[in-house]
Amino acid sequence: MSGRIQRRFAALREEGRAGLITFLTAGDPDMASFEEALQGLPQAGADLIEIGMPFSDPMADGPAIQAAGLRALAKGTNLHDILPAVARFRERDTDTPIVLMGYYNPVYRYGGDSFARDAAAAGVDGVILVDLPPEEAGEFLPALTDARLDLIRLTAPTSDDQRLPIVVGDASGFIYHVAIAGITGTRSADAADVAQAVARIKRHTSLPVAVGFGIRTPDQAAAIARIADAAVVGTALVETIAAHPTGAGLAKALHAQVAALAEGVRHARLQAAH
């Protein structure tokens, strides 16, 4: 497990609360605006940060994140831009875990060994690759292991007790549970269903479990914070970015939104502790 990810979840356990994981697409609406937004996320309340690697065929993403990826691609954003942006983030923040999320094609084109080496050197802590199942990861996993990068696995409502041991078997960092069957940002999950899923996942792994897809508001984030080790918010933030296409006022609006979400997460766990 990445040192930063492990330390962050350990710190959250000591505080007796869940974490907030925020997602932004790299290069949206442009690289300068993205980096300004990225730099302020920890101070706003993000405990971990996911950065989306834009890809032309994002099969698991809903309309908002698809549009964000297309905006970024239109600006020419690729891994050769994203990794230096992470390195610049690390000049100011050496503690907040950074996870790259996306699809395997850009990584494959970059070169698996080169990607793992360069990502680790830039300060990346882990990767989530939506379309790289355990059965196909054997060629890439040694490069991640050598670079001490976590391979964070996705589980879904359809992941049963037969499938779960296979999915979590090569995972590290944390498990990302997709709360709904379908694409991002389309509907919200039922808390009772999520609670059952998290309990089932924890029977097969000691890793923290983060829950995402369908979490948009502080109240929804709070509900997940009472169940899981972290709540992941992406589409709602990406929609805020879309409302500021020139980047003007983007960072202020986004950081205020993250602060409200973070307050919801922290308040939820404090309530649960009492």
Protein backbone atom coordinates (compact mmCIF):
# COMPACT_ATOMS: atom_id res chain seq x y z
CA MET A 1 0.00 0.00 0.00
CA SER A 2 1.17 3.50 -0.80
CA GLY A 3 2.56 5.21 2.27
CA ARG A 4 0.40 8.29 1.79
CA ILE A 5 -2.84 6.37 1.31
CA GLN A 6 -2.14 4.11 4.27
CA ARG A 7 -1.24 7.06 6.50
CA ARG A 8 -4.31 9.04 5.48
CA PHE A 9 -6.77 6.25 6.24
CA ALA A 10 -4.97 5.53 9.51
CA ALA A 11 -5.33 9.21 10.44
CA LEU A 12 -9.02 9.13 9.55
CA ARG A 13 -9.52 6.09 11.78
CA GLU A 14 -7.80 7.91 14.63
CA GLU A 15 -10.13 10.86 14.11
CA GLY A 16 -13.08 8.49 14.13
CA ARG A 17 -14.49 9.67 10.83
CA ALA A 18 -14.78 8.86 7.16
CA GLY A 19 -12.86 10.69 4.45
CA LEU A 20 -13.90 12.80 1.49
CA ILE A 21 -12.46 11.86 -1.89
CA THR A 22 -12.90 14.40 -4.66
CA PHE A 23 -12.66 13.78 -8.40
CA LEU A 24 -11.65 16.27 -11.11
CA THR A 25 -10.85 15.62 -14.75
CA ALA A 26 -7.33 16.76 -15.61
CA GLY A 27 -7.22 19.69 -18.01
CA ASP A 28 -10.87 20.71 -17.56
CA PRO A 29 -11.72 23.43 -18.52
CA ASP A 30 -8.03 24.07 -19.18
CA MET A 31 -4.79 23.07 -17.49
CA ALA A 32 -4.21 26.32 -15.60
CA SER A 33 -7.74 26.36 -14.15
CA PHE A 34 -7.52 22.67 -13.28
CA GLU A 35 -4.25 23.16 -11.41
CA GLU A 36 -5.62 26.14 -9.49
CA ALA A 37 -8.61 24.06 -8.45
CA LEU A 38 -6.41 21.07 -7.60
CA GLN A 39 -4.05 23.04 -5.39
CA GLY A 40 -6.87 24.25 -3.13
CA LEU A 41 -8.70 20.96 -2.64
CA PRO A 42 -6.88 19.83 0.54
CA GLN A 43 -7.46 23.13 2.31
CA ALA A 44 -11.13 23.00 1.27
CA GLY A 45 -11.47 19.60 2.94
CA ALA A 46 -10.55 16.86 0.46
CA ASP A 47 -8.81 13.98 2.23
CA LEU A 48 -7.81 12.16 -0.96
CA ILE A 49 -7.93 13.33 -4.58
CA GLU A 50 -8.77 11.42 -7.73
CA ILE A 51 -7.63 12.89 -11.03
CA GLY A 52 -9.39 11.68 -14.14
CA MET A 53 -7.24 10.84 -17.14
CA PRO A 54 -9.35 12.00 -20.12
CA PHE A 55 -10.14 9.30 -22.66
CA SER A 56 -12.23 9.35 -25.82
CA ASP A 57 -14.37 6.30 -24.95
CA PRO A 58 -15.20 6.53 -21.21
CA MET A 59 -17.69 3.68 -21.04
CA ALA A 60 -18.41 3.91 -17.28
CA ASP A 61 -18.86 7.68 -17.15
CA GLY A 62 -22.07 9.62 -17.39
CA PRO A 63 -22.70 12.69 -19.56
CA ALA A 64 -21.05 15.23 -17.23
CA ILE A 65 -17.73 13.42 -16.89
CA GLN A 66 -17.78 12.41 -20.56
CA ALA A 67 -18.16 16.09 -21.45
CA ALA A 68 -15.32 17.02 -19.09
CA GLY A 69 -13.05 14.50 -20.77
CA LEU A 70 -13.94 15.83 -24.20
CA ARG A 71 -13.23 19.40 -23.08
CA ALA A 72 -9.84 18.29 -21.77
CA LEU A 73 -9.02 16.29 -24.89
CA ALA A 74 -9.93 19.27 -27.04
CA LYS A 75 -7.19 21.15 -25.20
CA GLY A 76 -4.76 18.33 -25.97
CA THR A 77 -4.51 17.05 -22.38
CA ASN A 78 -2.68 13.74 -21.94
CA LEU A 79 -0.48 11.96 -19.42
CA HIS A 80 2.51 14.06 -20.44
CA ASP A 81 0.58 17.05 -19.06
CA ILE A 82 -1.02 15.32 -16.09
CA LEU A 83 2.10 13.91 -14.43
CA PRO A 84 3.94 17.28 -14.38
CA ALA A 85 0.78 18.83 -12.88
CA VAL A 86 0.91 16.27 -10.07
CA ALA A 87 4.60 17.04 -9.55
CA ARG A 88 3.77 20.75 -9.21
CA PHE A 89 1.03 19.88 -6.69
CA ARG A 90 3.60 17.91 -4.70
CA GLU A 91 5.83 20.98 -4.41
CA ARG A 92 3.19 22.42 -2.06
CA ASP A 93 1.53 19.31 -0.64
CA THR A 94 3.49 16.21 0.28
CA ASP A 95 0.74 14.50 2.27
CA THR A 96 -2.57 14.36 0.36
CA PRO A 97 -2.88 11.09 -1.59
CA ILE A 98 -3.36 11.40 -5.35
CA VAL A 99 -5.00 8.65 -7.41
CA LEU A 100 -5.21 8.64 -11.21
CA MET A 101 -8.50 7.25 -12.48
CA GLY A 102 -9.44 6.28 -15.98
CA TYR A 103 -8.97 3.65 -18.64
CA TYR A 104 -6.08 1.42 -19.57
CA ASN A 105 -5.56 2.62 -23.15
CA PRO A 106 -3.68 5.86 -22.30
CA VAL A 107 -1.50 3.94 -19.83
CA TYR A 108 -0.81 1.19 -22.37
CA ARG A 109 0.14 3.75 -25.01
CA TYR A 110 2.44 5.51 -22.55
CA GLY A 111 4.05 2.16 -21.68
CA GLY A 112 3.20 0.33 -18.48
CA ASP A 113 6.69 0.34 -16.96
CA SER A 114 7.33 3.95 -17.96
CA PHE A 115 3.96 5.06 -16.65
CA ALA A 116 4.45 3.41 -13.26
CA ARG A 117 7.95 4.85 -12.90
CA ASP A 118 7.01 8.36 -14.01
CA ALA A 119 3.77 8.46 -12.04
CA ALA A 120 5.54 7.45 -8.85
CA ALA A 121 8.28 10.02 -9.47
CA ALA A 122 5.62 12.73 -9.94
CA GLY A 123 3.98 11.86 -6.63
CA VAL A 124 1.05 9.68 -7.67
CA ASP A 125 0.01 7.11 -5.06
CA GLY A 126 -2.36 4.79 -6.90
CA VAL A 127 -4.40 4.10 -10.01
CA ILE A 128 -7.97 3.06 -10.75
CA LEU A 129 -8.35 1.52 -14.20
CA VAL A 130 -11.99 0.92 -14.92
CA ASP A 131 -11.50 -1.50 -17.79
CA LEU A 132 -8.59 -3.57 -16.45
CA PRO A 133 -10.08 -6.63 -14.71
CA PRO A 134 -7.97 -8.91 -12.49
CA GLU A 135 -7.76 -11.49 -15.26
CA GLU A 136 -5.97 -8.99 -17.53
CA ALA A 137 -3.77 -7.16 -15.01
CA GLY A 138 -0.91 -9.64 -14.75
CA GLU A 139 1.32 -7.85 -17.24
CA PHE A 140 0.92 -4.43 -15.58
CA LEU A 141 0.79 -5.34 -11.90
CA PRO A 142 4.56 -5.97 -11.42
CA ALA A 143 5.34 -2.47 -12.69
CA LEU A 144 2.91 -0.96 -10.18
CA THR A 145 4.32 -3.10 -7.38
CA ASP A 146 7.90 -2.12 -8.19
CA ALA A 147 6.91 1.57 -8.19
CA ARG A 148 4.91 1.17 -4.94
CA LEU A 149 1.74 2.35 -6.62
CA ASP A 150 -1.57 0.98 -5.40
CA LEU A 151 -3.95 -0.74 -7.79
CA ILE A 152 -7.33 0.29 -6.44
CA ARG A 153 -10.09 -2.07 -7.45
CA LEU A 154 -13.72 -1.33 -8.23
CA THR A 155 -16.59 -3.40 -6.91
CA ALA A 156 -20.22 -3.11 -7.96
CA PRO A 157 -23.65 -4.07 -6.60
CA THR A 158 -23.39 -7.15 -8.80
CA SER A 159 -20.08 -8.29 -7.21
CA ASP A 160 -21.10 -11.38 -5.26
CA ASP A 161 -19.22 -13.52 -2.75
CA GLN A 162 -17.77 -15.65 -5.54
CA ARG A 163 -16.43 -12.68 -7.51
CA LEU A 164 -15.29 -10.46 -4.64
CA PRO A 165 -12.22 -12.52 -3.58
CA ILE A 166 -10.95 -12.36 -7.17
CA VAL A 167 -11.53 -8.61 -7.47
CA VAL A 168 -9.91 -7.67 -4.17
CA GLY A 169 -7.17 -10.28 -4.36
CA ASP A 170 -4.58 -8.03 -6.06
CA ALA A 171 -5.96 -4.74 -4.73
CA SER A 172 -4.16 -2.32 -2.46
CA GLY A 173 -4.77 1.17 -1.11
CA PHE A 174 -8.53 0.95 -0.80
CA ILE A 175 -11.54 -0.56 -2.52
CA TYR A 176 -13.80 1.74 -4.54
CA HIS A 177 -17.36 0.48 -4.37
CA VAL A 178 -19.58 1.68 -7.20
CA ALA A 179 -22.86 2.25 -5.38
CA ILE A 180 -25.15 1.92 -8.40
CA ALA A 181 -25.26 -0.32 -11.43
CA GLY A 182 -24.73 1.98 -14.39
CA ILE A 183 -22.81 5.11 -15.31
CA THR A 184 -21.68 7.97 -13.12
CA GLY A 185 -23.91 10.83 -12.08
CA THR A 186 -27.27 9.43 -13.15
CA ARG A 187 -28.97 8.53 -9.86
CA SER A 188 -28.31 8.10 -6.15
CA ALA A 189 -27.82 4.91 -4.20
CA ASP A 190 -29.97 3.57 -1.39
CA ALA A 191 -28.05 3.77 1.91
CA ALA A 192 -29.33 0.41 3.12
CA ASP A 193 -28.14 -1.28 -0.07
CA VAL A 194 -24.74 0.39 0.27
CA ALA A 195 -24.43 -0.71 3.91
CA GLN A 196 -25.05 -4.33 2.92
CA ALA A 197 -22.52 -4.09 0.10
CA VAL A 198 -19.82 -2.56 2.31
CA ALA A 199 -20.33 -5.26 4.93
CA ARG A 200 -20.04 -7.94 2.24
CA ILE A 201 -16.82 -6.40 0.83
CA LYS A 202 -15.27 -6.18 4.30
CA ARG A 203 -15.73 -9.92 4.74
CA HIS A 204 -13.19 -10.38 1.94
CA THR A 205 -10.63 -7.62 2.59
CA SER A 206 -9.14 -5.53 5.36
CA LEU A 207 -8.68 -2.57 3.00
CA PRO A 208 -10.72 0.61 3.52
CA VAL A 209 -13.86 0.86 1.40
CA ALA A 210 -14.74 4.11 -0.37
CA VAL A 211 -18.16 4.54 -1.99
CA GLY A 212 -18.87 6.64 -5.05
CA PHE A 213 -21.36 7.19 -7.94
CA GLY A 214 -24.49 9.18 -7.15
CA ILE A 215 -23.15 11.26 -4.22
CA ARG A 216 -23.86 14.90 -4.94
CA THR A 217 -24.85 16.76 -1.77
CA PRO A 218 -23.47 17.17 1.76
CA ASP A 219 -26.40 15.13 3.12
CA GLN A 220 -25.72 12.29 0.68
CA ALA A 221 -22.01 12.39 1.52
CA ALA A 222 -22.91 12.30 5.21
CA ALA A 223 -25.12 9.25 4.71
CA ILE A 224 -22.24 7.38 3.06
CA ALA A 225 -19.81 8.57 5.75
CA ARG A 226 -21.89 6.71 8.33
CA ILE A 227 -21.42 3.49 6.34
CA ALA A 228 -18.06 3.50 4.54
CA ASP A 229 -14.49 4.64 5.10
CA ALA A 230 -14.80 7.42 2.50
CA ALA A 231 -17.32 9.10 0.23
CA VAL A 232 -16.33 9.92 -3.35
CA VAL A 233 -17.82 12.94 -5.14
CA GLY A 234 -17.14 13.53 -8.82
CA THR A 235 -20.03 14.43 -11.09
CA ALA A 236 -21.31 17.26 -8.88
CA LEU A 237 -17.86 18.88 -8.93
CA VAL A 238 -17.46 18.39 -12.66
CA GLU A 239 -20.82 20.09 -13.21
CA THR A 240 -19.57 23.09 -11.25
CA ILE A 241 -16.56 23.24 -13.53
CA ALA A 242 -18.84 23.11 -16.59
CA ALA A 243 -20.65 26.15 -15.24
CA HIS A 244 -17.36 28.10 -15.36
CA PRO A 245 -16.10 27.33 -18.90
CA THR A 246 -13.60 30.22 -18.89
CA GLY A 247 -12.24 29.21 -15.50
CA ALA A 248 -13.19 32.61 -14.02
CA GLY A 249 -14.40 32.14 -10.44
CA LEU A 250 -14.05 28.37 -10.79
CA ALA A 251 -11.66 27.71 -7.92
CA LYS A 252 -13.67 29.76 -5.43
CA ALA A 253 -16.96 28.07 -6.34
CA LEU A 254 -15.44 24.59 -6.39
CA HIS A 255 -13.64 24.96 -3.07
CA ALA A 256 -16.79 26.26 -1.38
CA GLN A 257 -18.65 23.21 -2.67
CA VAL A 258 -15.92 20.87 -1.40
CA ALA A 259 -15.94 22.61 2.00
CA ALA A 260 -19.68 21.98 2.33
CA LEU A 261 -19.25 18.33 1.37
CA ALA A 262 -16.38 17.95 3.83
CA GLU A 263 -18.47 19.47 6.61
CA GLY A 264 -21.20 16.95 5.87
CA VAL A 265 -18.75 14.06 6.07
CA ARG A 266 -17.16 15.26 9.31
CA HIS A 267 -20.48 16.05 10.99
CA ALA A 268 -21.87 12.64 10.08
CA ARG A 269 -19.10 10.73 11.75
CA LEU A 270 -19.22 12.94 14.84
CA GLN A 271 -22.93 12.22 15.15
CA ALA A 272 -22.27 8.50 14.77
CA ALA A 273 -19.57 8.65 17.47
CA HIS A 274 -22.10 10.07 19.94
